[in-house]
Amino acid sequence: MSILRVEKLTGKTCDFVNVDLLNHAEVHKLFKVKGPFQSVIHFAALKSVGESVAIPLKYYKNNLTGSITLLEVINIKY
């Protein structure tokens, strides 16, 4: 799992939070209730090249819109 690798590399423990980055209200609530955070690692991107060519709008919405939502909330909170 990626989080275990991050913990091994950094020597620090990481809390995993499963949140839908397309849900702005849910992300905002997470930062309001659980924050402040020292850092945020975004593992929510889709990554299949073949599928991304076949259905690009799904990838655009998930990867770009989800990242923008996260960055907007981080900008509001910090």
PDB file of N, CA and C in Angstrom:
ATOM      1  N   MET A   1       0.844  -1.186   0.000  1.00  0.00           N
ATOM      2  CA  MET A   1       0.000   0.000   0.000  1.00  0.00           C
ATOM      3  C   MET A   1       0.886   1.245   0.000  1.00  0.00           C
ATOM      4  N   SER A   2       0.480   2.248  -0.715  1.00  0.00           N
ATOM      5  CA  SER A   2       1.268   3.474  -0.870  1.00  0.00           C
ATOM      6  C   SER A   2       1.547   4.180   0.449  1.00  0.00           C
ATOM      7  N   ILE A   3       0.591   4.171   1.349  1.00  0.00           N
ATOM      8  CA  ILE A   3       0.771   4.872   2.624  1.00  0.00           C
ATOM      9  C   ILE A   3       1.894   4.248   3.439  1.00  0.00           C
ATOM     10  N   LEU A   4       1.971   2.929   3.416  1.00  0.00           N
ATOM     11  CA  LEU A   4       3.052   2.259   4.150  1.00  0.00           C
ATOM     12  C   LEU A   4       4.412   2.647   3.577  1.00  0.00           C
ATOM     13  N   ARG A   5       4.484   2.799   2.275  1.00  0.00           N
ATOM     14  CA  ARG A   5       5.740   3.217   1.640  1.00  0.00           C
ATOM     15  C   ARG A   5       6.105   4.650   2.037  1.00  0.00           C
ATOM     16  N   VAL A   6       5.122   5.527   2.085  1.00  0.00           N
ATOM     17  CA  VAL A   6       5.360   6.907   2.515  1.00  0.00           C
ATOM     18  C   VAL A   6       5.858   6.922   3.959  1.00  0.00           C
ATOM     19  N   GLU A   7       5.219   6.139   4.809  1.00  0.00           N
ATOM     20  CA  GLU A   7       5.642   6.073   6.212  1.00  0.00           C
ATOM     21  C   GLU A   7       7.082   5.568   6.333  1.00  0.00           C
ATOM     22  N   LYS A   8       7.422   4.559   5.533  1.00  0.00           N
ATOM     23  CA  LYS A   8       8.789   4.022   5.567  1.00  0.00           C
ATOM     24  C   LYS A   8       9.794   5.071   5.104  1.00  0.00           C
ATOM     25  N   LEU A   9       9.464   5.797   4.050  1.00  0.00           N
ATOM     26  CA  LEU A   9      10.369   6.815   3.515  1.00  0.00           C
ATOM     27  C   LEU A   9      10.541   8.007   4.449  1.00  0.00           C
ATOM     28  N   THR A  10       9.458   8.402   5.123  1.00  0.00           N
ATOM     29  CA  THR A  10       9.500   9.602   5.963  1.00  0.00           C
ATOM     30  C   THR A  10       9.813   9.320   7.426  1.00  0.00           C
ATOM     31  N   GLY A  11       9.602   8.088   7.853  1.00  0.00           N
ATOM     32  CA  GLY A  11       9.787   7.750   9.262  1.00  0.00           C
ATOM     33  C   GLY A  11       8.667   8.288  10.140  1.00  0.00           C
ATOM     34  N   LYS A  12       7.543   8.663   9.525  1.00  0.00           N
ATOM     35  CA  LYS A  12       6.397   9.209  10.251  1.00  0.00           C
ATOM     36  C   LYS A  12       5.159   8.389   9.924  1.00  0.00           C
ATOM     37  N   THR A  13       4.199   8.407  10.849  1.00  0.00           N
ATOM     38  CA  THR A  13       2.946   7.706  10.587  1.00  0.00           C
ATOM     39  C   THR A  13       1.990   8.624   9.816  1.00  0.00           C
ATOM     40  N   CYS A  14       1.151   8.010   9.015  1.00  0.00           N
ATOM     41  CA  CYS A  14       0.181   8.749   8.208  1.00  0.00           C
ATOM     42  C   CYS A  14      -1.221   8.256   8.541  1.00  0.00           C
ATOM     43  N   ASP A  15      -2.141   9.172   8.637  1.00  0.00           N
ATOM     44  CA  ASP A  15      -3.548   8.819   8.783  1.00  0.00           C
ATOM     45  C   ASP A  15      -4.174   8.787   7.400  1.00  0.00           C
ATOM     46  N   PHE A  16      -4.900   7.713   7.106  1.00  0.00           N
ATOM     47  CA  PHE A  16      -5.587   7.609   5.822  1.00  0.00           C
ATOM     48  C   PHE A  16      -7.017   8.093   5.991  1.00  0.00           C
ATOM     49  N   VAL A  17      -7.445   8.974   5.107  1.00  0.00           N
ATOM     50  CA  VAL A  17      -8.818   9.464   5.114  1.00  0.00           C
ATOM     51  C   VAL A  17      -9.386   9.239   3.719  1.00  0.00           C
ATOM     52  N   ASN A  18     -10.483   8.511   3.640  1.00  0.00           N
ATOM     53  CA  ASN A  18     -11.132   8.230   2.360  1.00  0.00           C
ATOM     54  C   ASN A  18     -12.249   9.248   2.172  1.00  0.00           C
ATOM     55  N   VAL A  19     -12.058  10.171   1.246  1.00  0.00           N
ATOM     56  CA  VAL A  19     -13.054  11.212   0.994  1.00  0.00           C
ATOM     57  C   VAL A  19     -13.184  11.413  -0.516  1.00  0.00           C
ATOM     58  N   ASP A  20     -14.392  11.661  -0.981  1.00  0.00           N
ATOM     59  CA  ASP A  20     -14.650  11.908  -2.400  1.00  0.00           C
ATOM     60  C   ASP A  20     -14.255  13.343  -2.726  1.00  0.00           C
ATOM     61  N   LEU A  21     -13.186  13.512  -3.466  1.00  0.00           N
ATOM     62  CA  LEU A  21     -12.711  14.857  -3.779  1.00  0.00           C
ATOM     63  C   LEU A  21     -13.652  15.623  -4.693  1.00  0.00           C
ATOM     64  N   LEU A  22     -14.613  14.940  -5.289  1.00  0.00           N
ATOM     65  CA  LEU A  22     -15.610  15.636  -6.104  1.00  0.00           C
ATOM     66  C   LEU A  22     -16.710  16.241  -5.247  1.00  0.00           C
ATOM     67  N   ASN A  23     -16.730  15.897  -3.968  1.00  0.00           N
ATOM     68  CA  ASN A  23     -17.730  16.428  -3.039  1.00  0.00           C
ATOM     69  C   ASN A  23     -17.087  17.551  -2.220  1.00  0.00           C
ATOM     70  N   HIS A  24     -17.212  18.771  -2.719  1.00  0.00           N
ATOM     71  CA  HIS A  24     -16.560  19.932  -2.087  1.00  0.00           C
ATOM     72  C   HIS A  24     -16.957  20.068  -0.621  1.00  0.00           C
ATOM     73  N   ALA A  25     -18.234  19.886  -0.308  1.00  0.00           N
ATOM     74  CA  ALA A  25     -18.710  20.025   1.077  1.00  0.00           C
ATOM     75  C   ALA A  25     -18.062  18.992   1.993  1.00  0.00           C
ATOM     76  N   GLU A  26     -17.912  17.769   1.494  1.00  0.00           N
ATOM     77  CA  GLU A  26     -17.301  16.703   2.294  1.00  0.00           C
ATOM     78  C   GLU A  26     -15.821  16.991   2.559  1.00  0.00           C
ATOM     79  N   VAL A  27     -15.128  17.475   1.557  1.00  0.00           N
ATOM     80  CA  VAL A  27     -13.709  17.804   1.718  1.00  0.00           C
ATOM     81  C   VAL A  27     -13.558  18.980   2.683  1.00  0.00           C
ATOM     82  N   HIS A  28     -14.393  19.990   2.528  1.00  0.00           N
ATOM     83  CA  HIS A  28     -14.349  21.146   3.418  1.00  0.00           C
ATOM     84  C   HIS A  28     -14.616  20.728   4.868  1.00  0.00           C
ATOM     85  N   LYS A  29     -15.603  19.854   5.063  1.00  0.00           N
ATOM     86  CA  LYS A  29     -15.930  19.365   6.412  1.00  0.00           C
ATOM     87  C   LYS A  29     -14.745  18.613   7.012  1.00  0.00           C
ATOM     88  N   LEU A  30     -14.076  17.798   6.206  1.00  0.00           N
ATOM     89  CA  LEU A  30     -12.903  17.069   6.686  1.00  0.00           C
ATOM     90  C   LEU A  30     -11.850  18.024   7.217  1.00  0.00           C
ATOM     91  N   PHE A  31     -11.543  19.064   6.461  1.00  0.00           N
ATOM     92  CA  PHE A  31     -10.524  20.018   6.894  1.00  0.00           C
ATOM     93  C   PHE A  31     -10.983  20.807   8.120  1.00  0.00           C
ATOM     94  N   LYS A  32     -12.266  21.091   8.195  1.00  0.00           N
ATOM     95  CA  LYS A  32     -12.797  21.832   9.337  1.00  0.00           C
ATOM     96  C   LYS A  32     -12.767  20.992  10.614  1.00  0.00           C
ATOM     97  N   VAL A  33     -13.138  19.723  10.505  1.00  0.00           N
ATOM     98  CA  VAL A  33     -13.249  18.845  11.675  1.00  0.00           C
ATOM     99  C   VAL A  33     -11.911  18.224  12.066  1.00  0.00           C
ATOM    100  N   LYS A  34     -11.153  17.736  11.098  1.00  0.00           N
ATOM    101  CA  LYS A  34      -9.921  16.988  11.386  1.00  0.00           C
ATOM    102  C   LYS A  34      -8.651  17.831  11.313  1.00  0.00           C
ATOM    103  N   GLY A  35      -8.707  18.976  10.663  1.00  0.00           N
ATOM    104  CA  GLY A  35      -7.517  19.803  10.468  1.00  0.00           C
ATOM    105  C   GLY A  35      -7.093  20.510  11.728  1.00  0.00           C
ATOM    106  N   PRO A  36      -6.035  21.238  11.720  1.00  0.00           N
ATOM    107  CA  PRO A  36      -5.167  21.484  10.573  1.00  0.00           C
ATOM    108  C   PRO A  36      -4.242  20.290  10.294  1.00  0.00           C
ATOM    109  N   PHE A  37      -3.838  20.168   9.054  1.00  0.00           N
ATOM    110  CA  PHE A  37      -2.942  19.097   8.624  1.00  0.00           C
ATOM    111  C   PHE A  37      -1.567  19.678   8.346  1.00  0.00           C
ATOM    112  N   GLN A  38      -0.531  18.878   8.623  1.00  0.00           N
ATOM    113  CA  GLN A  38       0.833  19.285   8.277  1.00  0.00           C
ATOM    114  C   GLN A  38       1.072  19.135   6.792  1.00  0.00           C
ATOM    115  N   SER A  39       0.489  18.097   6.220  1.00  0.00           N
ATOM    116  CA  SER A  39       0.659  17.848   4.787  1.00  0.00           C
ATOM    117  C   SER A  39      -0.509  17.017   4.278  1.00  0.00           C
ATOM    118  N   VAL A  40      -0.672  17.015   2.977  1.00  0.00           N
ATOM    119  CA  VAL A  40      -1.744  16.264   2.324  1.00  0.00           C
ATOM    120  C   VAL A  40      -1.130  15.549   1.127  1.00  0.00           C
ATOM    121  N   ILE A  41      -1.425  14.261   0.999  1.00  0.00           N
ATOM    122  CA  ILE A  41      -0.997  13.492  -0.166  1.00  0.00           C
ATOM    123  C   ILE A  41      -2.255  13.028  -0.879  1.00  0.00           C
ATOM    124  N   HIS A  42      -2.352  13.318  -2.146  1.00  0.00           N
ATOM    125  CA  HIS A  42      -3.537  13.037  -2.956  1.00  0.00           C
ATOM    126  C   HIS A  42      -3.294  11.760  -3.772  1.00  0.00           C
ATOM    127  N   PHE A  43      -4.001  10.673  -3.405  1.00  0.00           N
ATOM    128  CA  PHE A  43      -3.886   9.402  -4.121  1.00  0.00           C
ATOM    129  C   PHE A  43      -5.159   9.075  -4.894  1.00  0.00           C
ATOM    130  N   ALA A  44      -5.993  10.045  -5.194  1.00  0.00           N
ATOM    131  CA  ALA A  44      -7.320   9.771  -5.745  1.00  0.00           C
ATOM    132  C   ALA A  44      -7.405   9.793  -7.269  1.00  0.00           C
ATOM    133  N   ALA A  45      -6.296   9.883  -7.960  1.00  0.00           N
ATOM    134  CA  ALA A  45      -6.349   9.974  -9.420  1.00  0.00           C
ATOM    135  C   ALA A  45      -6.566   8.602 -10.065  1.00  0.00           C
ATOM    136  N   LEU A  46      -7.252   8.627 -11.183  1.00  0.00           N
ATOM    137  CA  LEU A  46      -7.372   7.433 -12.019  1.00  0.00           C
ATOM    138  C   LEU A  46      -6.153   7.396 -12.930  1.00  0.00           C
ATOM    139  N   LYS A  47      -5.689   6.182 -13.330  1.00  0.00           N
ATOM    140  CA  LYS A  47      -4.412   6.142 -14.033  1.00  0.00           C
ATOM    141  C   LYS A  47      -4.316   5.161 -15.198  1.00  0.00           C
ATOM    142  N   SER A  48      -5.403   4.621 -15.677  1.00  0.00           N
ATOM    143  CA  SER A  48      -5.354   3.694 -16.800  1.00  0.00           C
ATOM    144  C   SER A  48      -5.303   4.466 -18.127  1.00  0.00           C
ATOM    145  N   VAL A  49      -4.200   4.335 -18.854  1.00  0.00           N
ATOM    146  CA  VAL A  49      -4.032   5.091 -20.096  1.00  0.00           C
ATOM    147  C   VAL A  49      -5.087   4.706 -21.123  1.00  0.00           C
ATOM    148  N   GLY A  50      -5.285   3.411 -21.331  1.00  0.00           N
ATOM    149  CA  GLY A  50      -6.265   2.964 -22.316  1.00  0.00           C
ATOM    150  C   GLY A  50      -7.667   3.456 -22.004  1.00  0.00           C
ATOM    151  N   GLU A  51      -8.074   3.318 -20.741  1.00  0.00           N
ATOM    152  CA  GLU A  51      -9.404   3.772 -20.352  1.00  0.00           C
ATOM    153  C   GLU A  51      -9.517   5.294 -20.448  1.00  0.00           C
ATOM    154  N   SER A  52      -8.447   5.993 -20.135  1.00  0.00           N
ATOM    155  CA  SER A  52      -8.494   7.457 -20.197  1.00  0.00           C
ATOM    156  C   SER A  52      -8.675   7.957 -21.628  1.00  0.00           C
ATOM    157  N   VAL A  53      -8.184   7.195 -22.591  1.00  0.00           N
ATOM    158  CA  VAL A  53      -8.375   7.550 -23.996  1.00  0.00           C
ATOM    159  C   VAL A  53      -9.810   7.228 -24.419  1.00  0.00           C
ATOM    160  N   ALA A  54     -10.336   6.120 -23.897  1.00  0.00           N
ATOM    161  CA  ALA A  54     -11.696   5.698 -24.257  1.00  0.00           C
ATOM    162  C   ALA A  54     -12.759   6.589 -23.628  1.00  0.00           C
ATOM    163  N   ILE A  55     -12.548   6.989 -22.374  1.00  0.00           N
ATOM    164  CA  ILE A  55     -13.525   7.838 -21.672  1.00  0.00           C
ATOM    165  C   ILE A  55     -12.808   9.007 -20.979  1.00  0.00           C
ATOM    166  N   PRO A  56     -12.312   9.936 -21.767  1.00  0.00           N
ATOM    167  CA  PRO A  56     -11.501  11.022 -21.214  1.00  0.00           C
ATOM    168  C   PRO A  56     -12.243  11.933 -20.241  1.00  0.00           C
ATOM    169  N   LEU A  57     -13.523  12.157 -20.439  1.00  0.00           N
ATOM    170  CA  LEU A  57     -14.244  13.062 -19.541  1.00  0.00           C
ATOM    171  C   LEU A  57     -14.324  12.523 -18.122  1.00  0.00           C
ATOM    172  N   LYS A  58     -14.413  11.202 -17.968  1.00  0.00           N
ATOM    173  CA  LYS A  58     -14.402  10.594 -16.635  1.00  0.00           C
ATOM    174  C   LYS A  58     -13.077  10.912 -15.933  1.00  0.00           C
ATOM    175  N   TYR A  59     -11.975  10.798 -16.665  1.00  0.00           N
ATOM    176  CA  TYR A  59     -10.657  11.063 -16.104  1.00  0.00           C
ATOM    177  C   TYR A  59     -10.454  12.544 -15.820  1.00  0.00           C
ATOM    178  N   TYR A  60     -10.907  13.371 -16.739  1.00  0.00           N
ATOM    179  CA  TYR A  60     -10.816  14.815 -16.554  1.00  0.00           C
ATOM    180  C   TYR A  60     -11.571  15.224 -15.291  1.00  0.00           C
ATOM    181  N   LYS A  61     -12.806  14.745 -15.168  1.00  0.00           N
ATOM    182  CA  LYS A  61     -13.626  15.109 -14.010  1.00  0.00           C
ATOM    183  C   LYS A  61     -12.985  14.626 -12.719  1.00  0.00           C
ATOM    184  N   ASN A  62     -12.595  13.372 -12.672  1.00  0.00           N
ATOM    185  CA  ASN A  62     -12.035  12.821 -11.439  1.00  0.00           C
ATOM    186  C   ASN A  62     -10.681  13.442 -11.105  1.00  0.00           C
ATOM    187  N   ASN A  63      -9.768  13.416 -12.052  1.00  0.00           N
ATOM    188  CA  ASN A  63      -8.391  13.825 -11.764  1.00  0.00           C
ATOM    189  C   ASN A  63      -8.219  15.333 -11.642  1.00  0.00           C
ATOM    190  N   LEU A  64      -8.751  16.068 -12.570  1.00  0.00           N
ATOM    191  CA  LEU A  64      -8.565  17.518 -12.543  1.00  0.00           C
ATOM    192  C   LEU A  64      -9.523  18.202 -11.563  1.00  0.00           C
ATOM    193  N   THR A  65     -10.804  17.877 -11.675  1.00  0.00           N
ATOM    194  CA  THR A  65     -11.786  18.519 -10.795  1.00  0.00           C
ATOM    195  C   THR A  65     -11.546  18.143  -9.333  1.00  0.00           C
ATOM    196  N   GLY A  66     -11.221  16.877  -9.073  1.00  0.00           N
ATOM    197  CA  GLY A  66     -10.923  16.459  -7.703  1.00  0.00           C
ATOM    198  C   GLY A  66      -9.725  17.192  -7.132  1.00  0.00           C
ATOM    199  N   SER A  67      -8.686  17.345  -7.944  1.00  0.00           N
ATOM    200  CA  SER A  67      -7.490  18.077  -7.492  1.00  0.00           C
ATOM    201  C   SER A  67      -7.802  19.546  -7.231  1.00  0.00           C
ATOM    202  N   ILE A  68      -8.592  20.152  -8.109  1.00  0.00           N
ATOM    203  CA  ILE A  68      -8.957  21.559  -7.920  1.00  0.00           C
ATOM    204  C   ILE A  68      -9.766  21.732  -6.648  1.00  0.00           C
ATOM    205  N   THR A  69     -10.700  20.833  -6.389  1.00  0.00           N
ATOM    206  CA  THR A  69     -11.490  20.904  -5.150  1.00  0.00           C
ATOM    207  C   THR A  69     -10.575  20.853  -3.937  1.00  0.00           C
ATOM    208  N   LEU A  70      -9.647  19.912  -3.925  1.00  0.00           N
ATOM    209  CA  LEU A  70      -8.718  19.790  -2.804  1.00  0.00           C
ATOM    210  C   LEU A  70      -7.904  21.068  -2.630  1.00  0.00           C
ATOM    211  N   LEU A  71      -7.387  21.599  -3.722  1.00  0.00           N
ATOM    212  CA  LEU A  71      -6.584  22.821  -3.636  1.00  0.00           C
ATOM    213  C   LEU A  71      -7.404  24.027  -3.178  1.00  0.00           C
ATOM    214  N   GLU A  72      -8.650  24.109  -3.611  1.00  0.00           N
ATOM    215  CA  GLU A  72      -9.525  25.206  -3.172  1.00  0.00           C
ATOM    216  C   GLU A  72      -9.752  25.137  -1.667  1.00  0.00           C
ATOM    217  N   VAL A  73     -10.031  23.951  -1.160  1.00  0.00           N
ATOM    218  CA  VAL A  73     -10.268  23.804   0.286  1.00  0.00           C
ATOM    219  C   VAL A  73      -9.001  24.094   1.068  1.00  0.00           C
ATOM    220  N   ILE A  74      -7.863  23.622   0.597  1.00  0.00           N
ATOM    221  CA  ILE A  74      -6.599  23.918   1.264  1.00  0.00           C
ATOM    222  C   ILE A  74      -6.371  25.435   1.283  1.00  0.00           C
ATOM    223  N   ASN A  75      -6.645  26.099   0.185  1.00  0.00           N
ATOM    224  CA  ASN A  75      -6.477  27.545   0.097  1.00  0.00           C
ATOM    225  C   ASN A  75      -7.392  28.278   1.069  1.00  0.00           C
ATOM    226  N   ILE A  76      -8.623  27.792   1.238  1.00  0.00           N
ATOM    227  CA  ILE A  76      -9.565  28.409   2.174  1.00  0.00           C
ATOM    228  C   ILE A  76      -9.090  28.217   3.621  1.00  0.00           C
ATOM    229  N   LYS A  77      -8.643  27.013   3.944  1.00  0.00           N
ATOM    230  CA  LYS A  77      -8.294  26.677   5.330  1.00  0.00           C
ATOM    231  C   LYS A  77      -6.926  27.189   5.743  1.00  0.00           C
ATOM    232  N   TYR A  78      -6.011  27.368   4.798  1.00  0.00           N
ATOM    233  CA  TYR A  78      -4.648  27.721   5.180  1.00  0.00           C
ATOM    234  C   TYR A  78      -4.250  28.967   4.477  1.00  0.00           C
TER     235      TYR A  78
END
